[in-house]
Amino acid sequence: MKEFRDPKSNRVIATAEISDNYLIGAALNDQAQNARVPFTYSVFAIDNKNGISIYALSEEVFSDFRNKAMEKMSLMINPSQKKDIRALLPEREYLKQFAESITQTSLTEKGIADLPDYNTLNMDATTKRMADYYNNFFYTETMGGMECQPNNTTYKGVMVRYSGIKDNNALTVVAGMDFKGIEYYYPGSQMLMGGMNYLFGGALNGTTGSQEGTSTEFGKGKCDIIEWGAEARYLLIAPVEKEDEAVTDFMKFVTTYRPTDEIMNDYENRKLNALNQALQASRTYQAQTQFNMANLQYNQAKLTNMLANNSASISAGIMDSWNKKMASDSRISQARSEAIRGVNTYTNKYGQNVDVSVAADHVYQNQYGDVYGVSGNAIDQDVLTRINWTEIKK
């Protein structure tokens, strides 16, 4: 295990397992991306001899306003927020954009697998941390005069292998991220928009609100705002001829990477301070407009109960999505599903279920997590060893 230290602040940013032949370091940017991201950081490991680069980057969060009147009002209050407004992207498209922005070349997807990092291997703690934060956010919004409710949530770790060419050199690129998001809405937003429109002299005329939708699919449910982004991002860049050793080092790095407790505590405390500042700002705008939401009449017991339900809703939503992705509800439902879809379910070397056509007599997994079904006789063990494949079972 190595310590990745920022030379300017002399703070240890993270720890991870990496070989001694890598030059390692970290960079801390003490400026906030927004209220959700109080500072950013990155770590790197570079093997100059073999041309291998490994990176880990911290959280980034964007806002997709489905309520355009609310977006316009928000930008009137805080014009700098415009840089953080971004339409929701599917996780693989978002991941590819991230990888291409770092490599500065076009990439072609070759394989996809689940990301086995700390966050996805410890989903109970991960979802609780997300739920606790947004519970505090809903509390500050409600106490500031705007009742706020969660809807659909998502959290998933995804990893993709790409091929690319840069400066006439063939590259293997592996990128991964903890993709996450939450939908939420304001039940009294129409009243809020009316009050703010009066304050701004009709500036919100012509814009519309949006709380429509009953879908349980993330990104398509009832909401005013979707907050989405990545908890952590990882990247490997290596020459194709060094692919095997590079991927081995990268997987060791990803599975052991962890920001220090000092960094994590500082990060969470600053996020809570930002919520408190937002609460004070909201109360200031209330005083200016003499505008009060009906939910301020809630007594403390009802408010406490609502917040508890919010927290449970977030955690349940994330875990429901995760559990559906990882396994069937029961052996019976799994067998029925397999029969309908014409597949058998196998367990890969990460303990995850994958579907393969019933035509396959043998199923193999390569070092990237790609799975292949083969009909007929089993592949000779010597061949499997040379191509680094492993046979997996049902």
Protein backbone atom coordinates (compact mmCIF):
# COMPACT_ATOMS: atom_id res chain seq x y z
CA MET A 1 0.00 0.00 0.00
CA LYS A 2 1.23 3.47 -0.90
CA GLU A 3 0.31 6.96 0.29
CA PHE A 4 -0.59 9.51 -2.39
CA ARG A 5 0.41 12.93 -1.05
CA ASP A 6 -0.30 16.43 -2.39
CA PRO A 7 3.08 18.26 -2.32
CA LYS A 8 1.59 21.75 -1.87
CA SER A 9 -0.56 21.03 1.17
CA ASN A 10 1.49 18.00 2.33
CA ARG A 11 -1.79 16.18 2.91
CA VAL A 12 -2.12 12.48 2.23
CA ILE A 13 -5.06 12.30 -0.18
CA ALA A 14 -5.52 8.55 -0.56
CA THR A 15 -3.94 5.14 -0.23
CA ALA A 16 -3.85 2.28 -2.74
CA GLU A 17 -1.80 -0.71 -3.75
CA ILE A 18 0.68 -0.02 -6.56
CA SER A 19 4.02 -1.50 -7.59
CA ASP A 20 7.31 0.22 -6.71
CA ASN A 21 8.10 0.90 -10.39
CA TYR A 22 5.38 3.58 -10.49
CA LEU A 23 5.98 7.26 -9.78
CA ILE A 24 3.06 8.33 -7.61
CA GLY A 25 1.56 11.60 -6.46
CA ALA A 26 -1.61 13.61 -5.87
CA ALA A 27 -3.07 17.05 -6.51
CA LEU A 28 -5.58 18.85 -4.31
CA ASN A 29 -7.71 21.68 -5.72
CA ASP A 30 -9.20 23.56 -2.78
CA GLN A 31 -11.84 25.30 -4.90
CA ALA A 32 -15.42 24.06 -4.94
CA GLN A 33 -17.11 22.79 -8.09
CA ASN A 34 -20.45 23.63 -6.47
CA ALA A 35 -22.30 23.19 -3.16
CA ARG A 36 -22.18 19.40 -3.55
CA VAL A 37 -18.43 19.30 -4.32
CA PRO A 38 -16.50 21.55 -1.90
CA PHE A 39 -13.08 20.63 -3.33
CA THR A 40 -11.58 18.20 -5.83
CA TYR A 41 -8.53 15.98 -5.91
CA SER A 42 -6.79 13.43 -8.09
CA VAL A 43 -4.04 10.86 -7.67
CA PHE A 44 -1.75 9.33 -10.26
CA ALA A 45 0.68 6.46 -10.77
CA ILE A 46 3.02 6.62 -13.79
CA ASP A 47 5.32 3.87 -15.09
CA ASN A 48 7.48 5.87 -17.50
CA LYS A 49 9.49 2.85 -18.64
CA ASN A 50 6.42 0.97 -19.86
CA GLY A 51 4.28 3.99 -20.73
CA ILE A 52 1.50 3.09 -18.29
CA SER A 53 -0.61 5.78 -16.56
CA ILE A 54 -3.20 5.22 -13.83
CA TYR A 55 -5.46 7.93 -12.40
CA ALA A 56 -8.21 8.35 -9.83
CA LEU A 57 -10.35 11.49 -9.70
CA SER A 58 -12.78 12.67 -7.05
CA GLU A 59 -16.49 13.35 -7.19
CA GLU A 60 -18.26 15.60 -9.67
CA VAL A 61 -21.97 16.48 -9.64
CA PHE A 62 -24.21 18.16 -12.21
CA SER A 63 -27.80 19.44 -12.16
CA ASP A 64 -30.37 18.65 -14.83
CA PHE A 65 -33.29 21.04 -14.32
CA ARG A 66 -36.50 19.46 -15.60
CA ASN A 67 -38.35 22.49 -14.22
CA LYS A 68 -37.16 25.24 -16.57
CA ALA A 69 -38.78 28.02 -14.53
CA MET A 70 -36.81 26.81 -11.52
CA GLU A 71 -33.61 26.72 -13.60
CA LYS A 72 -34.13 30.30 -14.74
CA MET A 73 -34.83 31.44 -11.20
CA SER A 74 -31.75 29.62 -9.92
CA LEU A 75 -29.51 31.29 -12.50
CA MET A 76 -30.92 34.71 -11.60
CA ILE A 77 -29.87 34.13 -8.01
CA ASN A 78 -26.54 32.44 -8.80
CA PRO A 79 -25.33 32.95 -12.41
CA SER A 80 -22.14 30.93 -11.76
CA GLN A 81 -24.28 27.80 -11.44
CA LYS A 82 -24.58 27.66 -15.23
CA LYS A 83 -21.30 25.70 -15.54
CA ASP A 84 -22.79 22.91 -13.41
CA ILE A 85 -26.04 22.53 -15.39
CA ARG A 86 -25.78 19.52 -17.67
CA ALA A 87 -28.39 17.23 -19.19
CA LEU A 88 -28.37 13.72 -17.76
CA LEU A 89 -26.26 11.25 -19.76
CA PRO A 90 -26.40 7.42 -19.78
CA GLU A 91 -23.55 6.13 -17.65
CA ARG A 92 -21.59 4.58 -20.55
CA GLU A 93 -21.80 7.75 -22.62
CA TYR A 94 -20.70 9.82 -19.62
CA LEU A 95 -17.82 7.40 -18.95
CA LYS A 96 -16.63 7.50 -22.55
CA GLN A 97 -16.66 11.30 -22.57
CA PHE A 98 -14.54 11.25 -19.41
CA ALA A 99 -12.02 8.78 -20.91
CA GLU A 100 -11.74 10.69 -24.21
CA SER A 101 -11.29 14.01 -22.42
CA ILE A 102 -8.21 12.65 -20.62
CA THR A 103 -6.71 10.64 -23.49
CA GLN A 104 -7.52 13.33 -26.06
CA THR A 105 -8.34 10.72 -28.69
CA SER A 106 -11.35 8.83 -30.01
CA LEU A 107 -11.99 5.51 -28.26
CA THR A 108 -13.84 2.35 -29.27
CA GLU A 109 -15.62 0.26 -26.63
CA LYS A 110 -14.39 -3.33 -26.41
CA GLY A 111 -15.86 -4.73 -23.20
CA ILE A 112 -17.84 -3.80 -20.10
CA ALA A 113 -17.83 -5.07 -16.52
CA ASP A 114 -18.85 -4.01 -13.01
CA LEU A 115 -16.40 -1.77 -11.18
CA PRO A 116 -15.02 -3.57 -8.09
CA ASP A 117 -13.98 -0.52 -6.05
CA TYR A 118 -14.55 0.25 -2.38
CA ASN A 119 -17.85 2.06 -2.92
CA THR A 120 -19.57 -0.73 -4.85
CA LEU A 121 -18.11 -3.46 -2.66
CA ASN A 122 -19.54 -1.70 0.42
CA MET A 123 -22.95 -0.67 -0.86
CA ASP A 124 -24.64 -0.48 2.56
CA ALA A 125 -22.20 2.18 3.76
CA THR A 126 -22.24 3.93 0.37
CA THR A 127 -26.02 4.24 0.18
CA LYS A 128 -26.23 5.34 3.81
CA ARG A 129 -23.72 8.13 3.17
CA MET A 130 -25.72 9.31 0.15
CA ALA A 131 -29.03 9.07 2.03
CA ASP A 132 -27.70 10.94 5.07
CA TYR A 133 -26.46 13.82 2.95
CA TYR A 134 -29.66 14.25 0.98
CA ASN A 135 -31.70 13.88 4.14
CA ASN A 136 -29.85 16.94 5.45
CA PHE A 137 -30.43 18.69 2.14
CA PHE A 138 -34.19 18.05 2.26
CA TYR A 139 -34.21 19.28 5.85
CA THR A 140 -32.50 22.58 4.99
CA GLU A 141 -34.75 23.11 1.95
CA THR A 142 -37.88 22.45 4.02
CA MET A 143 -36.76 24.66 6.91
CA GLY A 144 -35.85 27.33 4.37
CA GLY A 145 -39.43 27.36 3.13
CA MET A 146 -39.43 24.89 0.25
CA GLU A 147 -40.68 21.38 1.02
CA CYS A 148 -38.53 18.94 -0.95
CA GLN A 149 -39.12 15.25 -1.70
CA PRO A 150 -36.96 12.53 -3.30
CA ASN A 151 -37.99 10.23 -6.11
CA ASN A 152 -35.93 7.75 -8.13
CA THR A 153 -32.27 7.13 -7.28
CA THR A 154 -29.39 5.19 -8.81
CA TYR A 155 -25.90 4.08 -7.88
CA LYS A 156 -23.83 1.69 -9.97
CA GLY A 157 -20.18 0.97 -10.61
CA VAL A 158 -19.32 0.49 -14.29
CA MET A 159 -15.99 -0.26 -16.00
CA VAL A 160 -15.30 -0.25 -19.75
CA ARG A 161 -12.28 -1.29 -21.81
CA TYR A 162 -11.54 0.73 -24.95
CA SER A 163 -9.08 0.68 -27.81
CA GLY A 164 -7.63 3.80 -29.36
CA ILE A 165 -4.73 5.24 -31.34
CA LYS A 166 -2.73 8.30 -30.40
CA ASP A 167 0.44 9.55 -32.09
CA ASN A 168 0.34 6.37 -34.23
CA ASN A 169 0.51 4.18 -31.12
CA ALA A 170 -2.20 1.63 -30.30
CA LEU A 171 -3.61 2.08 -26.80
CA THR A 172 -5.63 0.09 -24.34
CA VAL A 173 -7.75 2.32 -22.11
CA VAL A 174 -9.82 1.14 -19.15
CA ALA A 175 -12.15 3.61 -17.45
CA GLY A 176 -14.44 3.15 -14.47
CA MET A 177 -16.73 5.23 -12.32
CA ASP A 178 -19.31 5.10 -9.55
CA PHE A 179 -22.27 6.57 -11.42
CA LYS A 180 -24.94 8.03 -9.13
CA GLY A 181 -27.98 10.26 -9.21
CA ILE A 182 -31.17 11.35 -7.48
CA GLU A 183 -34.43 12.91 -8.65
CA TYR A 184 -36.28 15.32 -6.37
CA TYR A 185 -39.17 17.73 -6.56
CA TYR A 186 -40.85 20.59 -4.68
CA PRO A 187 -44.58 19.97 -4.07
CA GLY A 188 -45.17 23.71 -3.70
CA SER A 189 -43.04 24.77 -6.65
CA GLN A 190 -45.91 26.47 -8.49
CA MET A 191 -46.51 28.75 -5.50
CA LEU A 192 -42.78 29.32 -5.24
CA MET A 193 -42.48 30.23 -8.91
CA GLY A 194 -45.37 32.65 -8.59
CA GLY A 195 -43.76 34.45 -5.67
CA MET A 196 -40.33 34.62 -7.33
CA ASN A 197 -41.86 35.75 -10.62
CA TYR A 198 -43.46 38.66 -8.78
CA LEU A 199 -40.11 39.49 -7.16
CA PHE A 200 -38.31 39.51 -10.52
CA GLY A 201 -40.97 41.54 -12.28
CA GLY A 202 -42.37 38.76 -14.44
CA ALA A 203 -38.98 37.49 -15.61
CA LEU A 204 -40.16 33.86 -15.36
CA ASN A 205 -43.08 34.35 -17.74
CA GLY A 206 -43.01 31.80 -20.55
CA THR A 207 -41.13 29.14 -18.62
CA THR A 208 -42.76 25.97 -17.39
CA GLY A 209 -42.49 23.70 -14.40
CA SER A 210 -42.15 19.91 -14.56
CA GLN A 211 -43.19 17.41 -11.92
CA GLU A 212 -44.78 14.99 -14.37
CA GLY A 213 -43.92 11.31 -14.75
CA THR A 214 -44.66 8.10 -12.89
CA SER A 215 -41.78 5.94 -14.16
CA THR A 216 -39.57 4.14 -11.65
CA GLU A 217 -36.68 4.29 -14.13
CA PHE A 218 -34.06 6.80 -13.05
CA GLY A 219 -34.15 9.93 -15.18
CA LYS A 220 -37.78 9.47 -16.20
CA GLY A 221 -39.65 9.99 -12.95
CA LYS A 222 -41.51 12.86 -11.35
CA CYS A 223 -39.02 15.61 -10.52
CA ASP A 224 -38.01 19.24 -10.78
CA ILE A 225 -34.27 18.56 -10.63
CA ILE A 226 -31.98 15.59 -11.25
CA GLU A 227 -28.57 15.67 -9.60
CA TRP A 228 -26.16 13.21 -11.17
CA GLY A 229 -22.48 12.51 -11.64
CA ALA A 230 -19.76 10.23 -10.33
CA GLU A 231 -18.59 9.48 -6.81
CA ALA A 232 -15.16 8.45 -8.10
CA ARG A 233 -13.55 8.02 -11.52
CA TYR A 234 -10.64 5.80 -12.58
CA LEU A 235 -8.55 5.60 -15.74
CA LEU A 236 -5.81 3.38 -17.18
CA ILE A 237 -3.85 4.28 -20.31
CA ALA A 238 -1.32 1.76 -21.63
CA PRO A 239 0.34 0.60 -24.86
CA VAL A 240 -1.41 -2.47 -26.24
CA GLU A 241 1.75 -4.56 -25.85
CA LYS A 242 1.77 -3.81 -22.09
CA GLU A 243 -1.93 -4.46 -21.65
CA ASP A 244 -1.75 -7.56 -19.44
CA GLU A 245 0.54 -6.16 -16.76
CA ALA A 246 -1.14 -2.74 -16.93
CA VAL A 247 -4.62 -4.18 -16.36
CA THR A 248 -3.32 -6.29 -13.45
CA ASP A 249 -1.81 -3.21 -11.79
CA PHE A 250 -4.94 -1.17 -12.48
CA MET A 251 -7.26 -3.73 -10.89
CA LYS A 252 -5.07 -3.90 -7.78
CA PHE A 253 -5.17 -0.11 -7.62
CA VAL A 254 -8.94 0.19 -8.08
CA THR A 255 -9.87 -2.49 -5.54
CA THR A 256 -7.63 -0.98 -2.84
CA TYR A 257 -8.01 2.76 -3.56
CA ARG A 258 -9.43 4.72 -0.65
CA PRO A 259 -9.35 8.46 0.21
CA THR A 260 -8.04 9.02 3.74
CA ASP A 261 -10.42 9.53 6.66
CA GLU A 262 -9.04 13.04 7.12
CA ILE A 263 -9.90 13.98 3.52
CA MET A 264 -13.33 12.34 3.69
CA ASN A 265 -14.24 14.03 6.99
CA ASP A 266 -13.12 17.43 5.72
CA TYR A 267 -15.11 16.88 2.54
CA GLU A 268 -18.35 15.91 4.30
CA ASN A 269 -18.05 18.75 6.85
CA ARG A 270 -17.68 21.35 4.10
CA LYS A 271 -20.73 19.95 2.33
CA LEU A 272 -22.78 20.34 5.50
CA ASN A 273 -21.49 23.88 5.98
CA ALA A 274 -22.61 24.69 2.43
CA LEU A 275 -26.10 23.41 3.29
CA ASN A 276 -26.22 25.69 6.33
CA GLN A 277 -25.14 28.65 4.22
CA ALA A 278 -27.83 27.82 1.67
CA LEU A 279 -30.40 27.74 4.47
CA GLN A 280 -29.38 31.21 5.62
CA ALA A 281 -29.49 32.53 2.04
CA SER A 282 -32.94 31.04 1.56
CA ARG A 283 -34.20 32.73 4.70
CA THR A 284 -32.77 36.02 3.46
CA TYR A 285 -34.69 35.74 0.18
CA GLN A 286 -37.80 34.86 2.16
CA ALA A 287 -37.47 38.03 4.19
CA GLN A 288 -37.01 40.07 1.03
CA THR A 289 -40.11 38.65 -0.63
CA GLN A 290 -42.14 38.13 2.56
CA PHE A 291 -42.97 34.79 1.04
CA ASN A 292 -43.76 31.74 3.17
CA MET A 293 -44.48 28.21 2.08
CA ALA A 294 -47.41 26.43 3.67
CA ASN A 295 -45.13 23.60 4.82
CA LEU A 296 -43.53 25.94 7.39
CA GLN A 297 -46.65 25.32 9.44
CA TYR A 298 -45.63 21.69 9.88
CA ASN A 299 -44.90 20.84 13.47
CA GLN A 300 -41.53 19.33 14.37
CA ALA A 301 -42.90 15.81 14.82
CA LYS A 302 -44.33 15.73 11.29
CA LEU A 303 -41.13 17.18 9.86
CA THR A 304 -38.98 14.60 11.66
CA ASN A 305 -41.20 11.79 10.38
CA MET A 306 -41.01 13.13 6.82
CA LEU A 307 -37.22 13.28 6.96
CA ALA A 308 -36.99 9.73 8.24
CA ASN A 309 -39.17 8.60 5.33
CA ASN A 310 -36.95 10.52 2.91
CA SER A 311 -33.83 8.76 4.16
CA ALA A 312 -35.47 5.36 3.93
CA SER A 313 -36.74 6.17 0.44
CA ILE A 314 -33.28 7.06 -0.85
CA SER A 315 -31.57 4.02 0.66
CA ALA A 316 -34.34 1.67 -0.48
CA GLY A 317 -34.30 3.11 -3.99
CA ILE A 318 -30.56 2.69 -4.43
CA MET A 319 -30.44 -0.78 -2.93
CA ASP A 320 -33.44 -1.91 -4.96
CA SER A 321 -31.68 -0.90 -8.15
CA TRP A 322 -28.48 -2.60 -7.01
CA ASN A 323 -30.17 -5.84 -5.97
CA LYS A 324 -32.09 -6.11 -9.23
CA LYS A 325 -28.84 -5.69 -11.11
CA MET A 326 -26.87 -8.22 -9.08
CA ALA A 327 -29.25 -11.17 -8.66
CA SER A 328 -32.77 -12.55 -9.16
CA ASP A 329 -35.21 -12.50 -6.28
CA SER A 330 -35.23 -16.29 -6.02
CA ARG A 331 -34.13 -19.50 -7.70
CA ILE A 332 -37.67 -19.98 -9.04
CA SER A 333 -37.92 -16.56 -10.64
CA GLN A 334 -34.40 -16.96 -12.03
CA ALA A 335 -35.23 -20.30 -13.66
CA ARG A 336 -38.43 -18.88 -15.14
CA SER A 337 -36.58 -15.85 -16.48
CA GLU A 338 -33.85 -18.01 -18.00
CA ALA A 339 -36.38 -20.22 -19.76
CA ILE A 340 -38.20 -17.24 -21.24
CA ARG A 341 -35.03 -15.52 -22.41
CA GLY A 342 -33.25 -18.66 -23.61
CA VAL A 343 -30.26 -18.16 -21.32
CA ASN A 344 -28.49 -19.81 -18.41
CA THR A 345 -27.07 -17.81 -15.51
CA TYR A 346 -23.41 -18.22 -14.57
CA THR A 347 -21.42 -16.71 -11.68
CA ASN A 348 -18.25 -14.89 -12.73
CA LYS A 349 -15.05 -14.66 -10.71
CA TYR A 350 -16.29 -11.46 -9.03
CA GLY A 351 -19.35 -13.30 -7.66
CA GLN A 352 -21.71 -11.59 -10.12
CA ASN A 353 -24.39 -13.25 -12.28
CA VAL A 354 -24.14 -13.14 -16.09
CA ASP A 355 -26.57 -14.51 -18.70
CA VAL A 356 -25.29 -16.74 -21.52
CA SER A 357 -27.24 -18.44 -24.31
CA VAL A 358 -28.41 -21.97 -23.57
CA ALA A 359 -26.53 -23.02 -26.72
CA ALA A 360 -23.23 -22.67 -24.87
CA ASP A 361 -21.74 -25.86 -23.43
CA HIS A 362 -18.86 -24.05 -21.71
CA VAL A 363 -18.55 -20.44 -20.54
CA TYR A 364 -15.30 -18.53 -20.07
CA GLN A 365 -14.31 -15.12 -18.66
CA ASN A 366 -11.24 -13.06 -19.63
CA GLN A 367 -9.23 -10.70 -17.43
CA TYR A 368 -11.54 -7.76 -18.25
CA GLY A 369 -14.69 -9.52 -17.11
CA ASP A 370 -15.89 -10.21 -20.68
CA VAL A 371 -17.83 -13.50 -20.88
CA TYR A 372 -17.89 -15.90 -23.85
CA GLY A 373 -20.04 -19.01 -24.42
CA VAL A 374 -18.57 -21.90 -26.43
CA SER A 375 -20.53 -24.80 -27.93
CA GLY A 376 -19.02 -28.27 -28.15
CA ASN A 377 -15.88 -29.49 -26.42
CA ALA A 378 -14.11 -27.56 -23.69
CA ILE A 379 -11.08 -25.45 -24.63
CA ASP A 380 -7.76 -27.08 -23.73
CA GLN A 381 -6.35 -25.83 -20.42
CA ASP A 382 -3.01 -24.86 -22.02
CA VAL A 383 -4.87 -22.61 -24.44
CA LEU A 384 -6.90 -21.08 -21.61
CA THR A 385 -3.69 -20.28 -19.72
CA ARG A 386 -2.10 -18.60 -22.74
CA ILE A 387 -5.09 -16.35 -23.44
CA ASN A 388 -5.78 -15.75 -19.72
CA TRP A 389 -9.33 -17.16 -19.75
CA THR A 390 -11.08 -18.88 -16.85
CA GLU A 391 -14.03 -21.26 -17.10
CA ILE A 392 -17.00 -20.22 -14.96
CA LYS A 393 -19.89 -22.32 -13.70
CA LYS A 394 -23.63 -21.92 -13.19
